[in-house]
Protein backbone atom coordinates (compact mmCIF):
# COMPACT_ATOMS: atom_id res chain seq x y z
CA MET A 1 -17.05 -1.73 -13.96
CA ARG A 2 -17.99 -5.37 -14.54
CA VAL A 3 -18.19 -6.20 -18.26
CA PRO A 4 -19.75 -9.57 -19.18
CA VAL A 5 -18.15 -11.29 -22.19
CA ALA A 6 -18.53 -14.65 -23.84
CA GLY A 7 -17.20 -17.25 -21.45
CA GLY A 8 -16.87 -15.00 -18.41
CA VAL A 9 -16.38 -11.39 -17.30
CA THR A 10 -13.82 -8.65 -17.64
CA TRP A 11 -13.36 -5.49 -15.60
CA PHE A 12 -13.00 -1.99 -17.00
CA LYS A 13 -11.39 0.76 -14.94
CA ALA A 14 -11.13 4.44 -15.82
CA CYS A 15 -8.42 5.80 -13.53
CA ALA A 16 -8.66 9.27 -12.00
CA GLN A 17 -5.95 11.76 -12.90
CA VAL A 18 -4.32 11.31 -9.49
CA GLN A 19 -3.90 7.63 -10.42
CA ALA A 20 -2.91 8.20 -14.05
CA PHE A 21 0.20 6.05 -13.55
CA GLU A 22 -1.88 2.95 -12.74
CA PRO A 23 -2.49 1.53 -16.25
CA ARG A 24 1.19 1.53 -17.20
CA LEU A 25 2.29 0.25 -13.79
CA THR A 26 -0.27 -2.57 -13.78
CA ALA A 27 0.67 -3.62 -17.31
CA ALA A 28 4.38 -3.60 -16.45
CA LEU A 29 3.82 -5.70 -13.33
CA TYR A 30 1.60 -8.16 -15.18
CA GLY A 31 4.23 -8.47 -17.90
CA ARG A 32 6.85 -9.53 -15.39
CA TRP A 33 4.64 -11.25 -12.77
CA PRO A 34 1.67 -12.79 -14.61
CA ASP A 35 1.08 -15.38 -11.91
CA ARG A 36 0.43 -12.85 -9.12
CA VAL A 37 -1.06 -9.71 -10.73
CA THR A 38 -4.46 -9.32 -12.39
CA GLU A 39 -4.45 -10.23 -16.07
CA VAL A 40 -4.20 -7.10 -18.20
CA LEU A 41 -6.16 -7.42 -21.46
CA ALA A 42 -5.77 -3.88 -22.77
CA VAL A 43 -4.36 -0.51 -21.71
CA ASP A 44 -4.94 3.04 -22.92
CA GLU A 45 -2.40 5.16 -21.06
CA ALA A 46 -3.57 8.43 -22.60
CA ARG A 47 -7.12 7.94 -21.31
CA GLY A 48 -6.10 6.14 -18.11
CA TRP A 49 -8.11 3.06 -19.05
CA LEU A 50 -7.55 -0.55 -18.03
CA LEU A 51 -9.31 -3.71 -19.17
CA LEU A 52 -8.63 -6.59 -16.80
CA GLY A 53 -9.39 -10.28 -16.74
CA ASP A 54 -11.49 -11.93 -14.08
CA ALA A 55 -9.40 -12.25 -10.92
CA GLY A 56 -11.87 -14.49 -9.10
CA ILE A 57 -13.17 -13.79 -5.62
CA ALA A 58 -11.82 -11.35 -3.05
CA VAL A 59 -10.42 -12.98 0.09
CA GLY A 60 -12.69 -10.72 2.11
CA GLU A 61 -15.64 -12.69 0.76
CA LEU A 62 -13.95 -15.81 2.09
CA GLY A 63 -13.60 -14.31 5.56
CA ASN A 64 -10.07 -12.92 5.05
CA PRO A 65 -8.38 -16.13 6.24
CA PRO A 66 -4.84 -15.48 7.49
CA GLU A 67 -3.85 -18.66 5.66
CA ALA A 68 -4.44 -16.84 2.35
CA TRP A 69 -2.01 -14.12 3.38
CA LEU A 70 0.49 -16.75 4.51
CA ASP A 71 0.54 -17.93 0.89
CA ALA A 72 0.28 -14.52 -0.77
CA LEU A 73 2.79 -12.42 1.16
CA PRO A 74 5.96 -14.31 0.14
CA LEU A 75 4.86 -14.08 -3.51
CA TYR A 76 4.20 -10.37 -3.12
CA ALA A 77 7.61 -9.93 -1.47
CA GLU A 78 9.27 -11.68 -4.41
CA LEU A 79 7.52 -9.26 -6.76
CA GLN A 80 8.72 -6.30 -4.72
CA LYS A 81 12.25 -7.62 -4.58
CA GLY A 82 12.27 -8.10 -8.33
CA GLU A 83 10.86 -4.62 -8.93
CA THR A 84 13.65 -2.82 -7.07
CA ALA A 85 15.56 -2.65 -10.37
CA HIS A 86 12.60 -0.92 -12.02
CA ALA A 87 11.84 1.58 -9.24
CA PRO A 88 13.53 4.58 -10.92
CA ASP A 89 11.63 3.93 -14.14
CA HIS A 90 8.33 3.71 -12.25
CA ILE A 91 9.02 7.13 -10.71
CA VAL A 92 9.83 8.61 -14.12
CA HIS A 93 6.42 7.39 -15.31
CA GLY A 94 4.51 9.00 -12.48
CA VAL A 95 4.38 6.53 -9.62
CA PRO A 96 4.54 8.71 -6.47
CA ASP A 97 7.94 8.98 -4.81
CA LEU A 98 7.65 8.11 -1.13
CA ARG A 99 11.18 6.86 -0.72
CA THR A 100 12.56 7.25 2.76
CA ALA A 101 14.64 10.30 1.87
CA ALA A 102 11.48 12.09 0.70
CA LEU A 103 9.39 11.38 3.79
CA PRO A 104 10.55 14.19 6.14
CA ALA A 105 9.53 16.76 3.52
CA GLY A 106 6.25 14.89 3.07
CA TYR A 107 5.72 15.04 6.82
CA GLY A 108 6.18 18.80 6.63
CA ARG A 109 3.51 19.03 3.93
CA LEU A 110 1.23 16.90 6.07
CA LEU A 111 1.59 19.30 8.99
CA ALA A 112 1.06 22.32 6.75
CA GLY A 113 -2.21 20.98 5.40
CA GLU A 114 -5.74 20.85 6.72
CA LEU A 115 -6.03 17.88 9.06
CA PRO A 116 -9.24 16.35 10.48
CA LEU A 117 -7.78 16.21 13.98
CA ALA A 118 -8.19 18.03 17.28
CA ASN A 119 -5.68 20.77 18.06
CA ASP A 120 -3.87 18.69 20.67
CA GLU A 121 -3.49 15.87 18.16
CA VAL A 122 -2.03 18.22 15.56
CA LYS A 123 0.42 19.44 18.20
CA ARG A 124 1.48 15.86 19.00
CA LEU A 125 2.02 15.25 15.31
CA GLY A 126 4.16 18.37 15.06
CA ASP A 127 6.18 17.53 18.15
CA TYR A 128 7.00 14.14 16.65
CA ALA A 129 8.60 15.57 13.50
CA PRO A 130 12.24 15.42 14.74
CA ARG A 131 11.78 11.84 15.93
CA PHE A 132 10.19 10.89 12.61
CA THR A 133 13.16 12.29 10.70
CA LYS A 134 15.53 10.21 12.83
CA LEU A 135 13.46 7.06 12.26
CA CYS A 136 13.56 7.64 8.50
CA ALA A 137 17.34 7.95 8.62
CA ALA A 138 17.64 4.82 10.75
CA LEU A 139 15.42 2.87 8.35
CA ALA A 140 17.41 4.02 5.33
CA ASP A 141 20.66 2.94 7.02
CA LEU A 142 19.34 -0.61 7.36
CA GLY A 143 19.74 -1.04 3.62
CA VAL A 144 16.58 -2.62 2.21
CA LYS A 145 16.13 -1.36 -1.35
CA GLU A 146 12.98 0.59 -2.10
CA SER A 147 10.43 -0.76 -4.53
CA VAL A 148 6.80 -0.67 -5.57
CA GLN A 149 4.57 -0.53 -2.51
CA HIS A 150 0.88 -1.29 -3.05
CA ASP A 151 -0.34 0.71 0.00
CA ASP A 152 -3.83 -0.80 -0.12
CA LEU A 153 -3.07 -4.48 0.37
CA HIS A 154 -6.23 -5.69 2.07
CA ILE A 155 -9.25 -7.97 1.88
CA ARG A 156 -10.70 -6.37 -1.27
CA ASN A 157 -7.46 -6.30 -3.25
CA LEU A 158 -6.27 -9.90 -2.92
CA TYR A 159 -8.21 -12.32 -5.11
CA SER A 160 -8.32 -16.08 -5.41
CA TYR A 161 -8.94 -17.77 -8.75
CA GLY A 162 -8.09 -21.25 -9.91
CA GLY A 163 -5.81 -21.92 -6.97
CA LYS A 164 -3.80 -18.72 -7.52
CA LEU A 165 -3.76 -15.52 -5.47
CA ARG A 166 -3.50 -12.25 -7.34
CA VAL A 167 -3.10 -8.65 -6.18
CA VAL A 168 -5.41 -6.13 -7.87
CA ASP A 169 -5.92 -2.34 -7.89
CA TRP A 170 -2.47 -0.71 -7.92
CA GLY A 171 -3.77 2.87 -7.97
CA ASP A 172 -2.57 3.78 -4.47
CA SER A 173 0.96 2.51 -5.09
CA SER A 174 4.17 4.40 -4.54
CA ILE A 175 7.87 3.75 -4.65
CA ALA A 176 8.77 3.40 -1.00
CA HIS A 177 10.19 1.05 1.58
CA PRO A 178 8.59 -2.26 0.60
CA PHE A 179 7.76 -3.31 4.14
CA PHE A 180 5.25 -0.42 4.45
CA SER A 181 2.72 -2.59 2.61
CA LEU A 182 1.88 -4.62 5.70
CA VAL A 183 0.62 -1.58 7.60
CA VAL A 184 -2.70 -1.96 5.78
CA THR A 185 -2.71 -5.76 5.70
CA PHE A 186 -2.26 -5.95 9.47
CA ARG A 187 -4.85 -3.25 10.12
CA PHE A 188 -7.53 -5.29 8.33
CA LEU A 189 -6.59 -8.42 10.24
CA GLU A 190 -7.10 -6.45 13.44
CA GLU A 191 -10.35 -4.77 12.44
CA PHE A 192 -12.00 -7.39 10.20
CA ASN A 193 -10.72 -10.58 11.83
CA HIS A 194 -10.50 -9.09 15.33
CA LEU A 195 -6.98 -10.39 15.90
CA VAL A 196 -5.30 -8.79 18.90
CA PRO A 197 -1.80 -7.35 18.32
CA GLU A 198 -0.25 -10.22 20.29
CA ASP A 199 -1.86 -12.89 18.11
CA SER A 200 0.74 -15.31 16.76
CA TRP A 201 -0.61 -14.83 13.24
CA PHE A 202 1.12 -11.46 12.99
CA ARG A 203 4.50 -13.02 13.73
CA ARG A 204 3.85 -15.87 11.30
CA LEU A 205 2.81 -13.51 8.52
CA ARG A 206 5.73 -11.18 9.18
CA ASP A 207 8.19 -14.06 8.99
CA ALA A 208 6.59 -15.46 5.81
CA TYR A 209 6.78 -12.03 4.17
CA LEU A 210 10.39 -11.45 5.25
CA GLU A 211 11.68 -14.86 4.13
CA PRO A 212 12.36 -13.80 0.50
CA TRP A 213 14.23 -10.73 1.73
CA GLY A 214 16.72 -12.65 3.86
CA SER A 215 17.37 -13.26 7.54
CA GLY A 216 17.67 -10.92 10.50
CA LEU A 217 15.18 -8.29 9.34
CA GLN A 218 12.74 -8.31 12.24
CA GLU A 219 14.04 -5.03 13.69
CA THR A 220 13.94 -3.42 10.25
CA PHE A 221 10.35 -4.56 9.89
CA GLU A 222 9.31 -3.02 13.21
CA ILE A 223 10.84 0.36 12.30
CA ALA A 224 9.26 0.17 8.84
CA ILE A 225 5.80 -0.41 10.28
CA ARG A 226 6.19 2.68 12.47
CA VAL A 227 7.44 4.87 9.64
CA GLY A 228 4.97 3.32 7.22
CA SER A 229 2.00 4.36 9.35
CA PHE A 230 3.00 7.98 8.76
CA ALA A 231 3.91 7.35 5.12
CA ARG A 232 0.34 6.20 4.52
CA ALA A 233 -0.99 9.44 5.99
CA ILE A 234 1.43 11.41 3.81
CA ALA A 235 0.23 9.51 0.74
CA TRP A 236 -3.37 10.40 1.56
CA THR A 237 -2.60 14.13 1.42
CA ARG A 238 -2.03 13.69 -2.32
CA GLN A 239 -5.37 11.95 -2.74
CA ARG A 240 -7.14 14.61 -0.67
CA ALA A 241 -5.66 17.49 -2.65
CA ALA A 242 -7.10 16.02 -5.85
CA LEU A 243 -10.67 15.99 -4.48
CA PRO A 244 -13.23 18.77 -4.88
CA ARG A 245 -13.82 20.50 -1.56
CA ALA A 246 -17.34 19.08 -1.29
CA ALA A 247 -15.97 15.52 -1.32
CA ARG A 248 -13.44 16.06 1.44
CA PRO A 249 -15.68 15.59 4.51
CA ASP A 250 -16.43 11.98 3.50
CA PHE A 251 -12.76 11.39 2.71
CA ASP A 252 -11.71 12.91 6.03
CA ARG A 253 -13.61 10.35 8.08
CA GLU A 254 -11.23 7.62 6.94
CA PHE A 255 -8.28 10.02 6.80
CA ALA A 256 -8.78 10.79 10.52
CA ILE A 257 -8.57 7.07 11.33
CA ILE A 258 -5.32 6.75 9.38
CA LEU A 259 -3.87 9.81 11.12
CA ARG A 260 -4.83 8.53 14.57
CA ARG A 261 -3.31 5.13 13.85
CA ALA A 262 -0.11 6.96 12.95
CA LEU A 263 -0.35 9.06 16.10
CA ALA A 264 -0.56 5.88 18.14
CA GLN A 265 3.01 5.18 17.00
CA THR A 266 4.22 8.31 18.81
CA ARG A 267 3.61 6.60 22.14
CA GLN A 268 6.16 3.86 21.40
């Protein structure tokens, strides 16, 4: 909710119960990373309320220029790298646990739930379970520490203001493999900007994001994007379960897209 004040605007957000962790998480991130997270003016954890400063204009309103992501992704990676030390505390305070070790069980819950897919698609998803478990183990063995993962890092959640880029709306976050974040970022560059998968921008953005993490992580990134496509679907089962049944058909239209994008990874 936009709240005009003297000299500008603020934004009030009342978080749903499924996102009750968001006020504390956002305040903690702003406290440590004030140059790259929305300004937090006030927090009421008990009510799930947030009062935020004006973050500026969403990059989507600017056409989602890849150049903005080229600047933002290394800063976001630095935040994630710094937050690895705080990951256990975030989990204690309710941030969902989607660490790699937890994903095979999450995949099982996904399969056991109601999915907006055709029967043959559900079967393909089930048949992939052993391969998914092996990919999770392989990703864990590659040694990147898990951290806060925004999981909705797209054109409406990156803002530009006064020459700075800030990430907003941390309500879909989890503690997970950090590289999962670019699953969503890359999807919007494909669908909004119409970049083909072979476009050089994807390589440039990948390399810019990976630079703070160190060298030689391209293979890790590719595995993470595959696993992360399924992790996003697993995360959405939690959101779906919190909805009243009457709201699920609308939710399922987007959920089906996420599931089918994950299923596309089974062909690789």
